[in-house]
Amino acid sequence: MKVLQLCHKPPFPAVDGGCIAMGNITRGLIQQGCEVKVLTISTHKHRLEKENVPADILQKTQIEGVFVDTRVNIVDAFSNLITQDSYNISRFFSTDFDIKLTELLKEESFDVIHLESLFMTPYISTIRRNTKAKVVLRSHNLEYIIWDRIARGTRSITKKAYLRYLSRKLKNYELNVMDQVDGIATISDEDLKRYQTLGFKKPMVNIPFGIDFNNYVCPVGNKPKLALFHLGSMNWMPNLEGVLWFLEDIWPKIHEKFPELELYLAGRDMPGDLTDEPLPNVHILGEVDDAKSFICSNAIMIVPLLSAGGIRVKIIEGMALGRAIISTSVGAEGIDCKNGKDIMLASNARQFIESIQKFVDNPGLATEMGERARELVSRKYDNNKLSEELVEFYKTLSA
């Protein structure tokens, strides 16, 4: 089977959760014997640099990139207020990328065109004109839900109105896209049910984020510090929103209760001044050289998301590395875990404090929960098994 994977940013190197998710699809398809070609958008934030692509992937996918300026342009964003276009999506469309895609489709024949996220759907019309290949949307989340949740948590009346308008436009766009694809591979069962509620009647399959479990092992004798940590790109609004909420509303109460406890914040594009004043025992690290080593060095991962959708890659990675997780229910959405067994769920300061208290009172609890979480990942999120299911889904579309 020959698959063309279209990506809205380079899957390699794996600099954030989205890249990891796309890159694992690439690797999984190759392991299943598929011939994979990768064509990706290259942006200011995520540039395709082939010297940073693993040699085996470079050789097998012949990955190519086209630069697209996806930065927000105020004039374009304003003009879209009076059009039917969704600016969040249209800024990923490029004539240069469209030309490259057209050339590729005329030169090569594919069985499946795999669209990584809603951001690649503006190219569906070009795909339909140039190939009879089946078009599959890999839905990382329903975008309109993210913006609707952000709107609900926004205090500014003007900003709330704009975000709700943006959410409505995204929802209309997503409804329209549903008619244009042959199938959807969701990343969580919750999203699959949402598509069903929206009226999508074509083939669907739930393919969660998968990992190569053998690559997630902390060093022998690793003794993580009993400290909280967060790892996530701050150029993704739900991450920034959640961290700010945690620092402003939750951390002062935690620090009052546990004055010795420390919090480490890491991730790309980390603002140096997350708060107006430095907070006690909060260490802002920015981007770290080795994400896995950072995860292994501290005992408790926090995921204070308020408005995300889909599935959180970093939770799966944290679990695979045996870390205990305290997350909001939104952050843990889409992950087949049980509160109090594989994860701690907390939606306010009191619940975060109660969860931390359990770890403080029982020094071995973080290790025990981490071991259960790791076992869960080995059963539910093995990339080889999930890739096999994805290929079988492709085959049903062509039958």
Protein backbone atom coordinates (compact mmCIF):
# COMPACT_ATOMS: atom_id res chain seq x y z
CA MET A 1 0.00 0.00 0.00
CA LYS A 2 1.29 3.43 -0.95
CA VAL A 3 0.44 6.31 1.38
CA LEU A 4 1.00 10.05 0.98
CA GLN A 5 1.16 11.67 4.41
CA LEU A 6 0.47 15.42 4.33
CA CYS A 7 1.62 17.25 7.47
CA HIS A 8 0.99 20.79 8.71
CA LYS A 9 4.48 20.85 10.27
CA PRO A 10 7.52 18.55 10.02
CA PRO A 11 7.07 15.32 12.00
CA PHE A 12 10.84 15.23 12.52
CA PRO A 13 12.57 16.16 14.71
CA ALA A 14 10.05 15.33 17.43
CA VAL A 15 10.00 18.73 19.13
CA ASP A 16 6.43 18.64 20.45
CA GLY A 17 3.45 16.37 20.93
CA GLY A 18 2.00 17.01 17.49
CA CYS A 19 5.28 16.17 15.78
CA ILE A 20 5.65 13.01 17.86
CA ALA A 21 2.12 11.90 16.97
CA MET A 22 2.68 12.41 13.23
CA GLY A 23 6.14 10.89 13.28
CA ASN A 24 4.87 7.78 15.04
CA ILE A 25 2.24 7.37 12.32
CA THR A 26 5.05 7.55 9.74
CA ARG A 27 7.13 4.94 11.53
CA GLY A 28 4.14 2.71 12.18
CA LEU A 29 3.04 2.67 8.56
CA ILE A 30 6.57 1.82 7.43
CA GLN A 31 6.72 -1.02 9.97
CA GLN A 32 3.47 -2.35 8.52
CA GLY A 33 5.10 -2.56 5.09
CA CYS A 34 3.54 0.54 3.58
CA GLU A 35 5.43 2.72 1.12
CA VAL A 36 5.19 6.18 2.69
CA LYS A 37 5.86 9.56 1.13
CA VAL A 38 5.82 12.61 3.43
CA LEU A 39 5.06 16.12 2.17
CA THR A 40 5.03 18.72 4.89
CA ILE A 41 4.50 22.40 5.44
CA SER A 42 7.62 24.09 6.82
CA THR A 43 6.97 27.18 8.98
CA HIS A 44 8.83 29.85 10.94
CA LYS A 45 8.26 27.87 14.15
CA HIS A 46 8.77 24.44 12.62
CA ARG A 47 11.28 24.33 9.78
CA LEU A 48 12.09 21.19 7.87
CA GLU A 49 15.81 20.66 8.28
CA LYS A 50 16.69 17.36 6.64
CA GLU A 51 19.90 17.01 8.62
CA ASN A 52 17.68 16.62 11.72
CA VAL A 53 15.52 13.91 10.17
CA PRO A 54 16.55 10.34 11.14
CA ALA A 55 18.49 8.79 8.27
CA ASP A 56 16.17 5.80 7.92
CA ILE A 57 13.10 8.05 7.72
CA LEU A 58 14.79 10.37 5.24
CA GLN A 59 15.69 7.45 3.01
CA LYS A 60 12.32 5.68 3.19
CA THR A 61 9.96 8.67 2.94
CA GLN A 62 11.99 11.07 0.78
CA ILE A 63 10.38 13.74 2.95
CA GLU A 64 9.93 17.11 1.27
CA GLY A 65 8.84 20.45 2.67
CA VAL A 66 7.40 23.68 1.31
CA PHE A 67 7.71 26.86 3.34
CA VAL A 68 4.38 28.46 4.25
CA ASP A 69 4.11 31.61 6.34
CA THR A 70 1.43 30.55 8.82
CA ARG A 71 2.02 33.48 11.16
CA VAL A 72 -1.10 35.39 12.14
CA ASN A 73 -1.63 38.44 9.95
CA ILE A 74 -3.96 40.98 11.54
CA VAL A 75 -5.23 42.32 8.20
CA ASP A 76 -6.05 38.83 6.91
CA ALA A 77 -7.60 37.82 10.21
CA PHE A 78 -9.83 40.92 10.17
CA SER A 79 -10.86 40.38 6.55
CA ASN A 80 -11.96 36.86 7.41
CA LEU A 81 -14.45 38.28 9.88
CA ILE A 82 -16.63 39.23 6.92
CA THR A 83 -16.04 36.13 4.79
CA GLN A 84 -17.01 32.49 5.15
CA ASP A 85 -13.39 31.41 5.49
CA SER A 86 -11.90 30.22 8.77
CA TYR A 87 -8.64 32.11 9.15
CA ASN A 88 -7.28 29.42 11.49
CA ILE A 89 -7.42 27.04 8.54
CA SER A 90 -6.92 29.26 5.49
CA ARG A 91 -3.51 30.52 6.69
CA PHE A 92 -2.19 26.99 6.06
CA PHE A 93 -3.09 27.18 2.37
CA SER A 94 -0.23 28.11 0.05
CA THR A 95 -0.09 28.27 -3.73
CA ASP A 96 3.48 26.96 -3.60
CA PHE A 97 2.45 23.94 -1.54
CA ASP A 98 -0.55 23.39 -3.81
CA ILE A 99 1.68 23.38 -6.90
CA LYS A 100 4.12 20.95 -5.29
CA LEU A 101 1.26 18.67 -4.27
CA THR A 102 -0.18 18.75 -7.80
CA GLU A 103 3.20 17.85 -9.31
CA LEU A 104 3.62 14.98 -6.86
CA LEU A 105 0.16 13.55 -7.55
CA LYS A 106 0.80 13.67 -11.31
CA GLU A 107 4.17 11.94 -10.93
CA GLU A 108 3.18 9.20 -8.47
CA SER A 109 0.16 7.05 -7.73
CA PHE A 110 -1.10 6.60 -4.15
CA ASP A 111 -3.71 4.38 -2.52
CA VAL A 112 -4.36 6.68 0.44
CA ILE A 113 -3.84 10.39 1.09
CA HIS A 114 -3.47 10.77 4.85
CA LEU A 115 -4.23 14.31 6.04
CA GLU A 116 -2.62 15.14 9.38
CA SER A 117 -5.17 17.42 11.09
CA LEU A 118 -7.82 19.80 9.85
CA PHE A 119 -5.10 22.23 8.72
CA MET A 120 -4.35 20.11 5.63
CA THR A 121 -7.95 19.91 4.44
CA PRO A 122 -7.77 23.06 2.23
CA TYR A 123 -5.89 20.84 -0.24
CA ILE A 124 -8.71 18.31 -0.67
CA SER A 125 -9.99 19.89 -3.88
CA THR A 126 -6.49 19.63 -5.40
CA ILE A 127 -6.27 16.00 -4.31
CA ARG A 128 -9.65 15.17 -5.85
CA ARG A 129 -8.69 16.75 -9.17
CA ASN A 130 -5.49 14.74 -9.47
CA THR A 131 -6.05 11.31 -7.92
CA LYS A 132 -8.66 8.70 -7.11
CA ALA A 133 -6.86 7.79 -3.88
CA LYS A 134 -8.93 7.55 -0.72
CA VAL A 135 -8.69 10.61 1.51
CA VAL A 136 -8.41 10.00 5.26
CA LEU A 137 -8.48 12.76 7.84
CA ARG A 138 -6.33 12.05 10.88
CA SER A 139 -8.28 14.15 13.37
CA HIS A 140 -6.01 15.28 16.20
CA ASN A 141 -9.00 17.02 17.78
CA LEU A 142 -12.13 18.93 16.84
CA GLU A 143 -10.76 22.45 16.58
CA TYR A 144 -14.04 24.23 17.25
CA ILE A 145 -14.33 22.57 20.68
CA ILE A 146 -10.95 23.97 21.76
CA TRP A 147 -11.93 27.54 20.87
CA ASP A 148 -15.38 27.17 22.41
CA ARG A 149 -13.78 26.03 25.67
CA ILE A 150 -11.30 28.90 25.59
CA ALA A 151 -14.19 31.33 25.00
CA ARG A 152 -16.06 30.00 28.01
CA GLY A 153 -13.05 30.62 30.23
CA THR A 154 -12.38 34.15 28.93
CA ARG A 155 -13.38 37.08 31.12
CA SER A 156 -13.21 39.81 28.47
CA ILE A 157 -16.64 40.24 26.85
CA THR A 158 -15.13 41.38 23.55
CA LYS A 159 -12.62 38.54 23.40
CA LYS A 160 -15.28 36.02 24.42
CA ALA A 161 -17.54 37.19 21.57
CA TYR A 162 -14.72 36.93 19.03
CA LEU A 163 -13.66 33.46 20.22
CA ARG A 164 -17.23 32.20 20.04
CA TYR A 165 -17.50 33.57 16.52
CA LEU A 166 -14.25 31.82 15.64
CA SER A 167 -15.57 28.58 17.15
CA ARG A 168 -18.77 28.79 15.08
CA LYS A 169 -16.80 29.31 11.87
CA LEU A 170 -14.54 26.38 12.69
CA LYS A 171 -17.54 24.17 13.42
CA ASN A 172 -19.13 25.10 10.08
CA TYR A 173 -15.85 24.37 8.34
CA GLU A 174 -15.46 20.99 10.07
CA LEU A 175 -19.05 20.06 9.13
CA ASN A 176 -18.26 20.90 5.51
CA VAL A 177 -15.02 18.89 5.54
CA MET A 178 -16.88 15.80 6.75
CA ASP A 179 -18.55 15.57 3.34
CA GLN A 180 -15.23 15.73 1.49
CA VAL A 181 -13.23 12.88 3.06
CA ASP A 182 -13.64 9.13 2.68
CA GLY A 183 -12.94 8.34 6.30
CA ILE A 184 -11.76 9.74 9.62
CA ALA A 185 -9.21 8.29 12.04
CA THR A 186 -9.86 9.99 15.37
CA ILE A 187 -7.28 10.16 18.14
CA SER A 188 -9.78 9.56 20.96
CA ASP A 189 -13.03 7.69 21.42
CA GLU A 190 -14.64 10.90 22.69
CA ASP A 191 -13.87 12.61 19.38
CA LEU A 192 -15.27 9.65 17.43
CA LYS A 193 -18.55 10.00 19.34
CA ARG A 194 -18.57 13.74 18.68
CA TYR A 195 -18.25 13.15 14.93
CA GLN A 196 -21.15 10.72 15.15
CA THR A 197 -23.20 13.34 16.98
CA LEU A 198 -22.37 15.85 14.24
CA GLY A 199 -23.85 13.40 11.72
CA PHE A 200 -20.76 11.84 10.15
CA LYS A 201 -21.88 8.53 8.65
CA LYS A 202 -18.82 7.50 6.63
CA PRO A 203 -16.24 4.99 7.98
CA MET A 204 -14.43 5.96 11.17
CA VAL A 205 -11.90 4.34 13.43
CA ASN A 206 -10.35 5.39 16.72
CA ILE A 207 -6.54 5.21 16.57
CA PRO A 208 -5.10 6.71 19.78
CA PHE A 209 -1.61 8.14 19.99
CA GLY A 210 0.85 5.26 20.04
CA ILE A 211 4.46 4.93 21.14
CA ASP A 212 7.34 2.53 20.70
CA PHE A 213 7.22 1.36 24.31
CA ASN A 214 10.79 0.06 24.29
CA ASN A 215 12.08 3.61 23.76
CA TYR A 216 10.56 4.81 27.04
CA VAL A 217 12.73 3.65 29.90
CA CYS A 218 14.16 5.78 32.70
CA PRO A 219 17.80 5.09 33.68
CA VAL A 220 18.41 2.18 36.03
CA GLY A 221 18.38 3.41 39.61
CA ASN A 222 16.49 6.58 38.67
CA LYS A 223 15.14 8.27 41.82
CA PRO A 224 12.92 11.17 40.79
CA LYS A 225 12.60 14.17 43.03
CA LEU A 226 9.22 14.61 44.73
CA ALA A 227 8.43 17.71 42.74
CA LEU A 228 5.81 18.87 40.26
CA PHE A 229 6.62 19.49 36.61
CA HIS A 230 4.91 20.54 33.40
CA LEU A 231 6.22 19.94 29.89
CA GLY A 232 4.53 21.49 26.88
CA SER A 233 4.95 24.02 24.09
CA MET A 234 3.80 27.46 25.17
CA ASN A 235 3.02 28.49 21.59
CA TRP A 236 -0.13 26.34 21.84
CA MET A 237 -2.81 28.46 23.48
CA PRO A 238 -4.44 25.74 25.64
CA ASN A 239 -1.04 25.02 27.25
CA LEU A 240 -0.38 28.68 27.99
CA GLU A 241 -3.91 29.20 29.27
CA GLY A 242 -3.67 26.18 31.57
CA VAL A 243 -0.25 27.03 32.99
CA LEU A 244 -1.27 30.63 33.69
CA TRP A 245 -4.41 29.40 35.46
CA PHE A 246 -2.33 26.99 37.54
CA LEU A 247 0.25 29.63 38.49
CA GLU A 248 -2.30 32.31 39.35
CA ASP A 249 -5.10 30.33 40.97
CA ILE A 250 -3.61 27.04 42.14
CA TRP A 251 0.09 27.37 42.93
CA PRO A 252 -0.18 30.00 45.72
CA LYS A 253 -2.49 27.67 47.66
CA ILE A 254 -0.24 24.66 47.02
CA HIS A 255 2.84 26.60 48.15
CA GLU A 256 1.07 27.69 51.33
CA LYS A 257 0.23 24.06 52.14
CA PHE A 258 3.54 22.55 50.95
CA PRO A 259 6.19 25.30 51.26
CA GLU A 260 9.06 22.94 50.33
CA LEU A 261 7.46 21.62 47.14
CA GLU A 262 8.96 22.82 43.85
CA LEU A 263 7.48 23.25 40.38
CA TYR A 264 9.49 22.98 37.15
CA LEU A 265 8.13 24.37 33.88
CA ALA A 266 9.67 23.33 30.56
CA GLY A 267 8.71 23.67 26.92
CA ARG A 268 9.28 25.54 23.68
CA ASP A 269 8.58 29.28 23.40
CA MET A 270 8.37 29.67 27.16
CA PRO A 271 7.67 33.30 28.14
CA GLY A 272 10.27 34.48 30.60
CA ASP A 273 7.65 36.48 32.49
CA LEU A 274 4.74 34.07 32.87
CA THR A 275 3.60 36.09 35.88
CA ASP A 276 4.03 39.70 36.91
CA GLU A 277 6.29 38.68 39.78
CA PRO A 278 8.49 35.59 40.35
CA LEU A 279 6.62 32.89 42.23
CA PRO A 280 8.27 30.99 45.11
CA ASN A 281 9.76 27.61 44.20
CA VAL A 282 8.72 27.93 40.54
CA HIS A 283 11.57 27.21 38.11
CA ILE A 284 11.01 28.31 34.49
CA LEU A 285 13.41 26.28 32.35
CA GLY A 286 12.21 26.86 28.80
CA GLU A 287 13.04 24.28 26.15
CA VAL A 288 15.04 21.34 27.50
CA ASP A 289 17.60 19.35 25.53
CA ASP A 290 16.23 15.95 26.52
CA ALA A 291 12.49 15.75 27.28
CA LYS A 292 12.65 12.16 28.50
CA SER A 293 15.44 12.91 30.97
CA PHE A 294 13.47 15.88 32.25
CA ILE A 295 10.38 13.71 32.75
CA CYS A 296 12.43 11.08 34.55
CA SER A 297 13.98 13.61 36.92
CA ASN A 298 10.77 14.61 38.74
CA ALA A 299 8.01 12.48 40.21
CA ILE A 300 4.69 14.19 39.44
CA MET A 301 3.55 15.60 36.10
CA ILE A 302 0.79 18.20 36.15
CA VAL A 303 -1.54 18.75 33.18
CA PRO A 304 -3.73 21.77 34.02
CA LEU A 305 -5.55 21.99 30.68
CA LEU A 306 -8.90 23.74 30.51
CA SER A 307 -9.71 23.83 26.80
CA ALA A 308 -7.92 21.08 24.90
CA GLY A 309 -9.39 18.32 22.76
CA GLY A 310 -8.05 15.10 21.34
CA ILE A 311 -5.47 13.29 23.45
CA ARG A 312 -2.44 14.58 25.33
CA VAL A 313 0.73 13.05 24.00
CA LYS A 314 2.77 14.14 27.01
CA ILE A 315 0.49 12.23 29.40
CA ILE A 316 1.04 9.02 27.45
CA GLU A 317 4.80 9.68 27.43
CA GLY A 318 4.81 10.51 31.13
CA MET A 319 2.92 7.32 31.92
CA ALA A 320 5.26 5.26 29.73
CA LEU A 321 8.18 6.63 31.76
CA GLY A 322 6.47 5.70 35.02
CA ARG A 323 5.53 9.16 36.22
CA ALA A 324 2.51 9.91 38.39
CA ILE A 325 0.09 12.34 36.72
CA ILE A 326 -2.25 14.95 38.17
CA SER A 327 -4.49 16.27 35.41
CA THR A 328 -7.74 18.09 34.88
CA SER A 329 -10.46 15.90 33.37
CA VAL A 330 -10.09 17.87 30.12
CA GLY A 331 -6.37 17.11 30.03
CA ALA A 332 -6.95 13.39 30.55
CA GLU A 333 -9.77 13.26 28.01
CA GLY A 334 -9.39 10.44 25.52
CA ILE A 335 -7.04 8.38 27.71
CA ASP A 336 -8.40 5.08 29.02
CA CYS A 337 -7.34 5.63 32.64
CA LYS A 338 -9.00 5.45 36.05
CA ASN A 339 -8.91 8.22 38.63
CA GLY A 340 -6.96 7.17 41.70
CA LYS A 341 -5.45 4.14 39.97
CA ASP A 342 -3.53 5.23 36.87
CA ILE A 343 -3.91 9.01 37.31
CA MET A 344 -5.15 11.68 39.72
CA LEU A 345 -7.85 14.01 38.41
CA ALA A 346 -8.14 17.54 39.81
CA SER A 347 -10.14 20.53 38.60
CA ASN A 348 -9.44 23.10 41.34
CA ALA A 349 -6.94 24.03 44.04
CA ARG A 350 -8.56 21.84 46.68
CA GLN A 351 -8.40 18.74 44.49
CA PHE A 352 -4.80 19.43 43.46
CA ILE A 353 -3.84 19.83 47.13
CA GLU A 354 -5.69 16.63 48.08
CA SER A 355 -3.86 14.71 45.35
CA ILE A 356 -0.46 16.08 46.37
CA GLN A 357 -1.21 15.30 50.02
CA LYS A 358 -1.67 11.63 49.10
CA PHE A 359 1.78 11.54 47.51
CA VAL A 360 3.35 13.34 50.48
CA ASP A 361 1.72 11.02 53.04
CA ASN A 362 2.69 7.90 51.10
CA PRO A 363 6.21 8.29 49.60
CA GLY A 364 5.82 5.12 47.54
CA LEU A 365 2.50 6.09 45.95
CA ALA A 366 4.02 8.03 43.06
CA THR A 367 6.12 5.02 42.10
CA GLU A 368 3.17 2.63 42.43
CA MET A 369 0.88 4.81 40.34
CA GLY A 370 3.62 5.34 37.78
CA GLU A 371 4.10 1.58 37.43
CA ARG A 372 0.35 1.06 36.89
CA ALA A 373 0.31 3.87 34.34
CA ARG A 374 3.27 2.35 32.50
CA GLU A 375 1.53 -1.02 32.34
CA LEU A 376 -1.60 0.69 30.96
CA VAL A 377 0.41 2.28 28.15
CA SER A 378 2.03 -1.03 27.24
CA ARG A 379 -1.44 -2.58 26.81
CA LYS A 380 -3.37 0.24 25.18
CA TYR A 381 -0.95 2.49 23.29
CA ASP A 382 1.52 0.25 21.46
CA ASN A 383 2.31 1.93 18.14
CA ASN A 384 2.78 -1.31 16.19
CA LYS A 385 -0.67 -2.60 17.09
CA LEU A 386 -2.35 0.74 16.43
CA SER A 387 -0.59 1.10 13.07
CA GLU A 388 -1.84 -2.34 12.07
CA GLU A 389 -5.38 -1.21 12.88
CA LEU A 390 -4.91 1.94 10.80
CA VAL A 391 -3.73 -0.03 7.77
CA GLU A 392 -6.71 -2.39 8.09
CA PHE A 393 -8.95 0.69 8.12
CA TYR A 394 -7.30 1.92 4.92
CA LYS A 395 -8.03 -1.46 3.33
CA THR A 396 -11.73 -1.28 4.18
CA LEU A 397 -12.00 2.03 2.32
CA SER A 398 -10.55 0.48 -0.83
CA ALA A 399 -12.59 -2.73 -0.65
